[in-house]
Amino acid sequence: LIASSPGLFPDVFSQEFRRLLDRVPPEPTHKVKAIIRKELGKPVEELFTSFGDEPIAAASIAQVHEAWLHDGTHVAVKIRRPNLSGRVERDLRLMRYLAGIIERSGTIGELANPVAIVEDFGIALRSELDFHNEAASAVEFEANLRSFGENDRIVVPLPVEGMVAKRVMVMNFIEGISVDNAERLVADDHDLEELLQLGIRSWMEAALIHGFFHGDVHAGNLFITPDSKVVYLDFGIMGRLEEQPRAALLTALPAVLVDRNYTQAVQAMFSLGATTTPVDIAAAADDVRDLVEPLLDKPLGQISYAEIFSQVLRVATRHHVRLPREMVLVVKQLLYFERYSKELAPDYQILGDRRILQYLLAGAHAPEEADSGATPDASSEEER
């Protein structure tokens, strides 16, 4: 949790925990092949014409091997590490204990809702241990993005039919460069600002239109293909936003970014029922105005979402607003995009780019067109 939450924890902690994750040794090949045989019912030699003994990626929950099916299909084989369930439950018990201490420590702890965060994290982590769930999530996410919109340049590696089990998943192999490898992306002549805009727009569409979004967009899960497409990987952690919070956000965003109507924005967000006492709407609107207006014309290189988040918590504390639990995962992904923004296109003005907002509002206000496959107009050349 700490390693994958940049900006929510001190850098010295998050960097050290990321190094620990990077140093996870791979499982021995004989163990990997034994798991594959047990889960898929056949030995590796019968399933694949070629199987790479060395993993191309190894993380705390799983590792990935490159392989080819007998029909020539290039695939990635994801294998869950053995004996994880017991360790996960022990870690979650410790996290719940620490979250309770934080929640009792004062107003910030109470409003940040740490116990609920850990509960949601536990649900997501247990789900992640069964690759049937991840396969279903990948299919749903891909289908949502295909339902409307300009998403031809968004790629999802789909599972191979009949080759998904609890601890093994075989999926299409997609070549790409990690999104944080700016030097390589520049050398390969990619348009970094365009890729950033494409990634942010597709993620926001998933969250605000479809209500089902990728919940772990760290650099290992976002790749760029040689032909400048954005690849989402690893659908183990996903988030859902129900209709009410999506509607509130789609009201608040244009109220702030277009109309500068901070009263309307505050009313929309407080409609989520996260207030613990009666709220002075006018005073809250003034606080939001003071927070947002200095940022509207700044390039991304001068904006810190981590600082914004801390200021939002201070405003929430002042007005006794409890952070809705489903919004925590949204904030975490925005912190990732902040990092990529500063690396890829620090001069890009995301808060001033109305193309993304117009695209989202077109989708939100035209569900019939979305269901029929019509495409919202995201090609407007209006001034940012």
Protein backbone atom coordinates (compact mmCIF):
# COMPACT_ATOMS: atom_id res chain seq x y z
CA LEU A 1 0.00 0.00 0.00
CA ILE A 2 2.77 2.45 0.93
CA ALA A 3 4.91 1.54 -2.08
CA SER A 4 2.03 2.08 -4.49
CA SER A 5 0.71 5.35 -3.04
CA PRO A 6 3.06 8.17 -4.09
CA GLY A 7 2.24 11.44 -2.37
CA LEU A 8 0.11 9.89 0.38
CA PHE A 9 3.15 8.89 2.45
CA PRO A 10 6.53 10.58 3.01
CA ASP A 11 8.94 10.03 0.09
CA VAL A 12 11.51 8.32 2.30
CA PHE A 13 8.94 5.61 3.13
CA SER A 14 7.41 5.14 -0.32
CA GLN A 15 10.79 4.99 -2.06
CA GLU A 16 12.16 2.40 0.34
CA PHE A 17 9.08 0.20 0.07
CA ARG A 18 9.23 0.46 -3.75
CA ARG A 19 12.82 -0.79 -3.59
CA LEU A 20 11.67 -3.72 -1.47
CA LEU A 21 9.05 -4.63 -4.07
CA ASP A 22 11.62 -4.34 -6.86
CA ARG A 23 13.90 -6.79 -5.05
CA VAL A 24 11.32 -9.61 -4.89
CA PRO A 25 13.15 -12.72 -6.23
CA PRO A 26 11.32 -14.89 -8.78
CA GLU A 27 10.00 -18.33 -7.94
CA PRO A 28 12.11 -21.25 -9.25
CA THR A 29 11.11 -22.54 -12.68
CA HIS A 30 10.20 -26.02 -11.42
CA LYS A 31 7.70 -24.51 -8.95
CA VAL A 32 6.20 -22.31 -11.67
CA LYS A 33 5.73 -25.25 -14.02
CA ALA A 34 4.19 -27.34 -11.24
CA ILE A 35 1.64 -24.60 -10.52
CA ILE A 36 0.77 -24.31 -14.22
CA ARG A 37 0.26 -28.07 -14.51
CA LYS A 38 -1.94 -28.20 -11.41
CA GLU A 39 -4.05 -25.19 -12.40
CA LEU A 40 -4.44 -25.81 -16.16
CA GLY A 41 -4.39 -29.60 -16.04
CA LYS A 42 -1.55 -30.16 -18.51
CA PRO A 43 2.24 -29.89 -18.46
CA VAL A 44 3.87 -26.78 -19.88
CA GLU A 45 5.14 -28.71 -22.92
CA GLU A 46 1.60 -29.61 -23.97
CA LEU A 47 0.23 -26.12 -23.42
CA PHE A 48 2.98 -24.11 -25.13
CA THR A 49 5.34 -24.62 -28.03
CA SER A 50 7.82 -22.35 -26.24
CA PHE A 51 7.97 -21.16 -22.62
CA GLY A 52 10.56 -18.75 -21.22
CA ASP A 53 12.07 -20.11 -18.02
CA GLU A 54 13.16 -16.64 -16.88
CA PRO A 55 10.29 -14.31 -15.91
CA ILE A 56 9.94 -11.02 -17.76
CA ALA A 57 8.40 -9.47 -14.62
CA ALA A 58 8.28 -10.49 -10.96
CA ALA A 59 6.26 -8.71 -8.26
CA SER A 60 5.05 -9.48 -4.77
CA ILE A 61 1.91 -11.38 -5.84
CA ALA A 62 2.81 -12.89 -9.20
CA GLN A 63 5.41 -13.23 -11.92
CA VAL A 64 5.01 -13.25 -15.70
CA HIS A 65 6.65 -15.50 -18.30
CA GLU A 66 6.70 -15.09 -22.07
CA ALA A 67 5.40 -18.02 -24.14
CA TRP A 68 3.93 -19.10 -27.47
CA LEU A 69 0.87 -21.27 -28.00
CA HIS A 70 0.92 -24.10 -30.51
CA ASP A 71 -1.10 -21.99 -32.95
CA GLY A 72 1.67 -19.36 -32.90
CA THR A 73 -0.08 -16.88 -30.58
CA HIS A 74 2.38 -14.84 -28.52
CA VAL A 75 1.21 -14.84 -24.90
CA ALA A 76 2.12 -13.74 -21.39
CA VAL A 77 1.65 -16.31 -18.61
CA LYS A 78 0.93 -14.86 -15.16
CA ILE A 79 1.53 -17.18 -12.19
CA ARG A 80 0.54 -16.38 -8.61
CA ARG A 81 3.18 -17.02 -5.98
CA PRO A 82 2.48 -19.95 -3.63
CA ASN A 83 1.44 -19.64 0.03
CA LEU A 84 0.19 -16.05 -0.23
CA SER A 85 -3.20 -16.24 1.48
CA GLY A 86 -1.88 -16.66 5.04
CA ARG A 87 0.64 -13.85 4.67
CA VAL A 88 -2.00 -11.54 3.23
CA GLU A 89 -4.36 -12.11 6.17
CA ARG A 90 -1.57 -11.48 8.70
CA ASP A 91 -0.63 -8.23 6.96
CA LEU A 92 -4.26 -7.10 6.84
CA ARG A 93 -4.74 -7.71 10.56
CA LEU A 94 -1.72 -5.51 11.26
CA MET A 95 -2.99 -2.82 8.88
CA ARG A 96 -6.43 -2.79 10.53
CA TYR A 97 -4.80 -2.37 13.92
CA LEU A 98 -2.66 0.55 12.72
CA ALA A 99 -5.60 2.14 10.88
CA GLY A 100 -7.63 2.08 14.10
CA ILE A 101 -4.83 3.92 15.91
CA ILE A 102 -4.69 6.55 13.15
CA GLU A 103 -8.46 7.00 13.15
CA ARG A 104 -8.50 7.58 16.91
CA SER A 105 -5.55 9.97 16.76
CA GLY A 106 -7.51 13.09 15.83
CA THR A 107 -9.75 14.82 13.34
CA ILE A 108 -7.59 14.19 10.28
CA GLY A 109 -7.54 10.48 11.03
CA GLU A 110 -11.28 10.41 11.52
CA LEU A 111 -12.04 12.27 8.29
CA ALA A 112 -9.51 10.42 6.13
CA ASN A 113 -11.38 7.20 6.97
CA PRO A 114 -8.29 4.91 7.30
CA VAL A 115 -10.20 1.88 8.62
CA ALA A 116 -12.51 1.94 5.58
CA ILE A 117 -9.47 2.33 3.33
CA VAL A 118 -7.89 -0.80 4.79
CA GLU A 119 -11.19 -2.69 4.51
CA ASP A 120 -11.44 -1.82 0.82
CA PHE A 121 -7.78 -2.66 0.31
CA GLY A 122 -8.36 -6.07 1.90
CA ILE A 123 -11.33 -6.79 -0.35
CA ALA A 124 -9.30 -5.81 -3.41
CA LEU A 125 -6.28 -7.83 -2.32
CA ARG A 126 -8.27 -11.01 -1.66
CA SER A 127 -9.93 -10.62 -5.04
CA GLU A 128 -6.54 -10.14 -6.67
CA LEU A 129 -5.43 -13.59 -5.46
CA ASP A 130 -7.96 -15.25 -7.80
CA PHE A 131 -7.11 -14.63 -11.45
CA HIS A 132 -10.67 -15.45 -12.53
CA ASN A 133 -11.58 -12.04 -11.10
CA GLU A 134 -8.75 -10.28 -12.90
CA ALA A 135 -9.67 -11.90 -16.22
CA ALA A 136 -13.30 -10.83 -15.85
CA SER A 137 -12.20 -7.29 -14.95
CA ALA A 138 -9.98 -7.04 -18.03
CA VAL A 139 -12.85 -8.13 -20.27
CA GLU A 140 -15.29 -5.68 -18.66
CA PHE A 141 -12.84 -2.76 -18.75
CA GLU A 142 -12.04 -3.38 -22.42
CA ALA A 143 -15.70 -3.74 -23.37
CA ASN A 144 -16.57 -0.47 -21.62
CA LEU A 145 -13.91 1.46 -23.52
CA ARG A 146 -15.04 -0.11 -26.80
CA SER A 147 -18.68 0.88 -26.17
CA PHE A 148 -18.12 4.45 -27.31
CA GLY A 149 -15.48 7.09 -27.67
CA GLU A 150 -12.18 7.45 -29.42
CA ASN A 151 -10.41 4.54 -27.78
CA ASP A 152 -8.76 2.82 -30.74
CA ARG A 153 -5.40 3.67 -29.17
CA ILE A 154 -6.22 2.05 -25.82
CA VAL A 155 -5.09 -1.58 -25.58
CA VAL A 156 -6.03 -4.25 -23.04
CA PRO A 157 -4.37 -7.70 -23.17
CA LEU A 158 -7.32 -10.07 -23.00
CA PRO A 159 -7.23 -13.54 -21.41
CA VAL A 160 -7.00 -16.58 -23.66
CA GLU A 161 -10.22 -18.59 -23.53
CA GLY A 162 -9.87 -21.76 -21.50
CA MET A 163 -6.51 -20.76 -20.03
CA VAL A 164 -7.53 -18.95 -16.85
CA ALA A 165 -7.43 -20.55 -13.41
CA LYS A 166 -7.24 -19.32 -9.83
CA ARG A 167 -3.44 -19.05 -9.85
CA VAL A 168 -2.62 -18.91 -13.58
CA MET A 169 -3.78 -16.61 -16.37
CA VAL A 170 -2.66 -16.68 -20.00
CA MET A 171 -3.23 -13.47 -21.95
CA ASN A 172 -2.20 -11.81 -25.19
CA PHE A 173 1.38 -10.54 -25.13
CA ILE A 174 1.77 -6.83 -25.93
CA GLU A 175 5.16 -5.21 -26.45
CA GLY A 176 5.64 -1.79 -24.89
CA ILE A 177 7.71 0.75 -22.99
CA SER A 178 6.89 1.77 -19.43
CA VAL A 179 5.12 5.12 -19.29
CA ASP A 180 7.76 6.59 -16.99
CA ASN A 181 10.64 5.88 -19.41
CA ALA A 182 10.56 9.40 -20.84
CA GLU A 183 14.05 9.18 -22.34
CA ARG A 184 13.17 6.11 -24.40
CA LEU A 185 9.79 7.52 -25.43
CA VAL A 186 11.43 10.72 -26.66
CA ALA A 187 14.10 8.75 -28.52
CA ASP A 188 11.35 6.76 -30.26
CA ASP A 189 9.66 10.02 -31.34
CA HIS A 190 6.41 9.65 -29.38
CA ASP A 191 4.22 12.71 -28.75
CA LEU A 192 4.40 12.72 -24.95
CA GLU A 193 1.70 15.32 -24.32
CA GLU A 194 -0.70 13.50 -26.62
CA LEU A 195 -0.02 10.19 -24.86
CA LEU A 196 -0.54 11.81 -21.46
CA GLN A 197 -3.83 13.34 -22.55
CA LEU A 198 -4.93 10.00 -23.98
CA GLY A 199 -4.09 8.13 -20.79
CA ILE A 200 -5.80 10.64 -18.49
CA ARG A 201 -8.89 10.86 -20.70
CA SER A 202 -9.34 7.10 -20.98
CA TRP A 203 -8.88 6.59 -17.24
CA MET A 204 -11.37 9.37 -16.42
CA GLU A 205 -13.85 7.93 -18.91
CA ALA A 206 -13.61 4.57 -17.18
CA ALA A 207 -14.15 6.15 -13.75
CA LEU A 208 -16.74 8.84 -14.47
CA ILE A 209 -18.74 7.35 -17.35
CA HIS A 210 -18.56 3.59 -16.85
CA GLY A 211 -17.94 3.61 -13.10
CA PHE A 212 -15.30 0.87 -13.35
CA PHE A 213 -11.70 2.01 -13.38
CA HIS A 214 -8.16 0.70 -13.11
CA GLY A 215 -7.13 1.04 -9.47
CA ASP A 216 -3.36 0.66 -9.72
CA VAL A 217 -1.90 2.69 -12.61
CA HIS A 218 1.71 2.56 -11.47
CA ALA A 219 4.39 2.62 -14.18
CA GLY A 220 4.56 -1.17 -14.39
CA ASN A 221 0.90 -1.25 -15.42
CA LEU A 222 0.93 1.47 -18.10
CA PHE A 223 2.91 0.85 -21.28
CA ILE A 224 3.28 2.64 -24.61
CA THR A 225 3.44 0.50 -27.75
CA PRO A 226 5.80 1.23 -30.67
CA ASP A 227 2.82 2.67 -32.61
CA SER A 228 1.89 5.05 -29.76
CA LYS A 229 -0.97 3.23 -28.11
CA VAL A 230 -1.59 3.19 -24.35
CA VAL A 231 -1.64 -0.28 -22.77
CA TYR A 232 -3.33 -1.00 -19.43
CA LEU A 233 -1.93 -4.05 -17.63
CA ASP A 234 -2.84 -5.93 -14.45
CA PHE A 235 -6.53 -5.72 -13.57
CA GLY A 236 -6.18 -7.18 -10.10
CA ILE A 237 -7.11 -3.94 -8.33
CA MET A 238 -10.15 -2.17 -9.76
CA GLY A 239 -12.41 0.55 -8.43
CA ARG A 240 -16.11 1.20 -8.85
CA LEU A 241 -17.97 4.48 -8.61
CA GLU A 242 -21.74 4.25 -8.33
CA GLU A 243 -24.03 6.63 -10.18
CA GLN A 244 -24.36 9.19 -7.36
CA PRO A 245 -20.64 9.97 -6.89
CA ARG A 246 -20.13 9.97 -10.68
CA ALA A 247 -22.96 12.46 -11.10
CA ALA A 248 -21.57 14.61 -8.29
CA LEU A 249 -18.12 14.70 -9.88
CA LEU A 250 -19.52 15.42 -13.34
CA THR A 251 -21.43 18.35 -11.83
CA ALA A 252 -18.53 19.62 -9.74
CA LEU A 253 -15.87 19.47 -12.48
CA PRO A 254 -17.53 21.85 -14.98
CA ALA A 255 -18.77 24.01 -12.11
CA VAL A 256 -15.16 24.57 -11.07
CA LEU A 257 -13.24 24.40 -14.34
CA VAL A 258 -15.70 26.17 -16.67
CA ASP A 259 -18.24 28.19 -14.70
CA ARG A 260 -16.12 28.91 -11.61
CA ASN A 261 -19.31 28.22 -9.63
CA TYR A 262 -17.82 26.95 -6.39
CA THR A 263 -21.13 26.92 -4.53
CA GLN A 264 -22.56 24.46 -7.06
CA ALA A 265 -19.40 22.35 -6.84
CA VAL A 266 -19.54 22.18 -3.04
CA GLN A 267 -23.25 21.33 -3.05
CA ALA A 268 -22.61 18.51 -5.53
CA MET A 269 -19.80 16.98 -3.49
CA PHE A 270 -21.62 17.34 -0.17
CA SER A 271 -24.62 15.56 -1.73
CA LEU A 272 -22.59 12.37 -1.30
CA GLY A 273 -23.61 12.48 2.34
CA ALA A 274 -20.08 12.63 3.71
CA THR A 275 -20.74 15.49 6.12
CA THR A 276 -20.77 14.79 9.86
CA THR A 277 -22.35 18.14 10.88
CA PRO A 278 -24.30 20.91 9.10
CA VAL A 279 -22.04 22.68 6.60
CA ASP A 280 -21.73 26.38 5.85
CA ILE A 281 -21.91 26.07 2.05
CA ALA A 282 -20.80 29.65 1.40
CA ALA A 283 -17.74 29.32 3.62
CA ALA A 284 -16.85 25.96 2.08
CA ALA A 285 -17.22 27.44 -1.42
CA ASP A 286 -14.83 30.25 -0.47
CA ASP A 287 -12.29 27.70 0.77
CA VAL A 288 -12.55 25.68 -2.45
CA ARG A 289 -12.15 28.86 -4.52
CA ASP A 290 -9.01 29.76 -2.60
CA LEU A 291 -7.68 26.25 -3.20
CA VAL A 292 -8.51 25.87 -6.89
CA GLU A 293 -8.18 29.26 -8.59
CA PRO A 294 -4.39 29.59 -8.18
CA LEU A 295 -4.05 26.24 -9.99
CA LEU A 296 -6.30 26.73 -13.01
CA ASP A 297 -3.73 28.33 -15.29
CA LYS A 298 -0.66 26.49 -14.05
CA PRO A 299 1.13 23.83 -16.10
CA LEU A 300 1.37 20.38 -14.57
CA GLY A 301 5.01 20.87 -13.73
CA GLN A 302 3.96 23.46 -11.15
CA ILE A 303 1.07 21.48 -9.62
CA SER A 304 1.41 18.97 -6.81
CA TYR A 305 -1.60 16.68 -6.37
CA ALA A 306 -0.08 15.55 -3.10
CA GLU A 307 -0.21 19.12 -1.82
CA ILE A 308 -3.73 19.53 -3.22
CA PHE A 309 -4.79 16.38 -1.37
CA SER A 310 -3.37 17.65 1.90
CA GLN A 311 -5.16 20.99 1.40
CA VAL A 312 -8.41 19.20 0.60
CA LEU A 313 -8.06 17.29 3.87
CA ARG A 314 -7.57 20.58 5.71
CA VAL A 315 -10.70 22.04 4.09
CA ALA A 316 -12.60 18.84 4.93
CA THR A 317 -11.41 19.05 8.52
CA ARG A 318 -12.58 22.64 8.80
CA HIS A 319 -16.06 21.73 7.58
CA HIS A 320 -16.32 18.27 9.20
CA VAL A 321 -16.54 16.37 5.93
CA ARG A 322 -15.59 12.70 5.89
CA LEU A 323 -13.73 11.59 2.75
CA PRO A 324 -15.92 9.02 0.93
CA ARG A 325 -14.08 5.70 0.88
CA GLU A 326 -14.49 5.17 -2.86
CA MET A 327 -12.77 8.49 -3.55
CA VAL A 328 -9.52 7.40 -1.90
CA LEU A 329 -8.66 5.06 -4.77
CA VAL A 330 -9.47 7.83 -7.26
CA VAL A 331 -7.11 10.23 -5.50
CA LYS A 332 -4.37 7.60 -5.49
CA GLN A 333 -4.54 7.28 -9.29
CA LEU A 334 -4.42 11.06 -9.72
CA LEU A 335 -1.18 11.05 -7.76
CA TYR A 336 0.26 8.58 -10.25
CA PHE A 337 -0.81 10.76 -13.18
CA GLU A 338 0.80 13.75 -11.48
CA ARG A 339 4.10 11.89 -11.51
CA TYR A 340 3.79 10.93 -15.19
CA SER A 341 2.73 14.46 -16.09
CA LYS A 342 5.83 15.99 -14.60
CA GLU A 343 8.04 13.45 -16.36
CA LEU A 344 6.37 13.48 -19.78
CA ALA A 345 4.76 16.89 -20.31
CA PRO A 346 5.37 19.36 -17.46
CA ASP A 347 3.95 22.26 -19.51
CA TYR A 348 0.62 20.54 -20.18
CA GLN A 349 -2.28 22.41 -18.51
CA ILE A 350 -4.63 19.61 -17.55
CA LEU A 351 -7.01 21.84 -15.60
CA GLY A 352 -7.26 24.16 -18.59
CA ASP A 353 -7.75 21.43 -21.21
CA ARG A 354 -11.47 21.49 -21.90
CA ARG A 355 -11.27 18.69 -24.47
CA ILE A 356 -11.23 16.04 -21.74
CA LEU A 357 -14.16 17.62 -19.89
CA GLN A 358 -16.19 18.03 -23.10
CA TYR A 359 -15.58 14.40 -23.97
CA LEU A 360 -16.70 13.18 -20.54
CA LEU A 361 -19.79 15.38 -20.46
CA ALA A 362 -20.79 14.25 -23.96
CA GLY A 363 -20.63 10.64 -22.81
CA ALA A 364 -22.45 11.28 -19.53
CA HIS A 365 -25.29 13.19 -21.16
CA ALA A 366 -25.81 10.84 -24.09
CA PRO A 367 -26.20 7.29 -22.72
CA GLU A 368 -28.44 6.25 -25.61
CA GLU A 369 -25.79 7.28 -28.12
CA ALA A 370 -23.14 5.54 -26.02
CA ASP A 371 -25.10 2.29 -25.99
CA SER A 372 -25.52 2.44 -29.77
CA GLY A 373 -21.80 2.93 -30.32
CA ALA A 374 -21.88 6.60 -31.25
CA THR A 375 -18.71 8.54 -30.58
CA PRO A 376 -18.59 11.70 -28.47
CA ASP A 377 -16.75 14.49 -30.25
CA ALA A 378 -13.33 14.69 -28.65
CA SER A 379 -11.68 16.25 -31.68
CA SER A 380 -12.72 19.82 -30.94
CA GLU A 381 -9.94 22.30 -31.53
CA GLU A 382 -11.35 24.77 -29.05
CA GLU A 383 -8.83 26.81 -27.14
CA ARG A 384 -7.58 24.99 -24.04
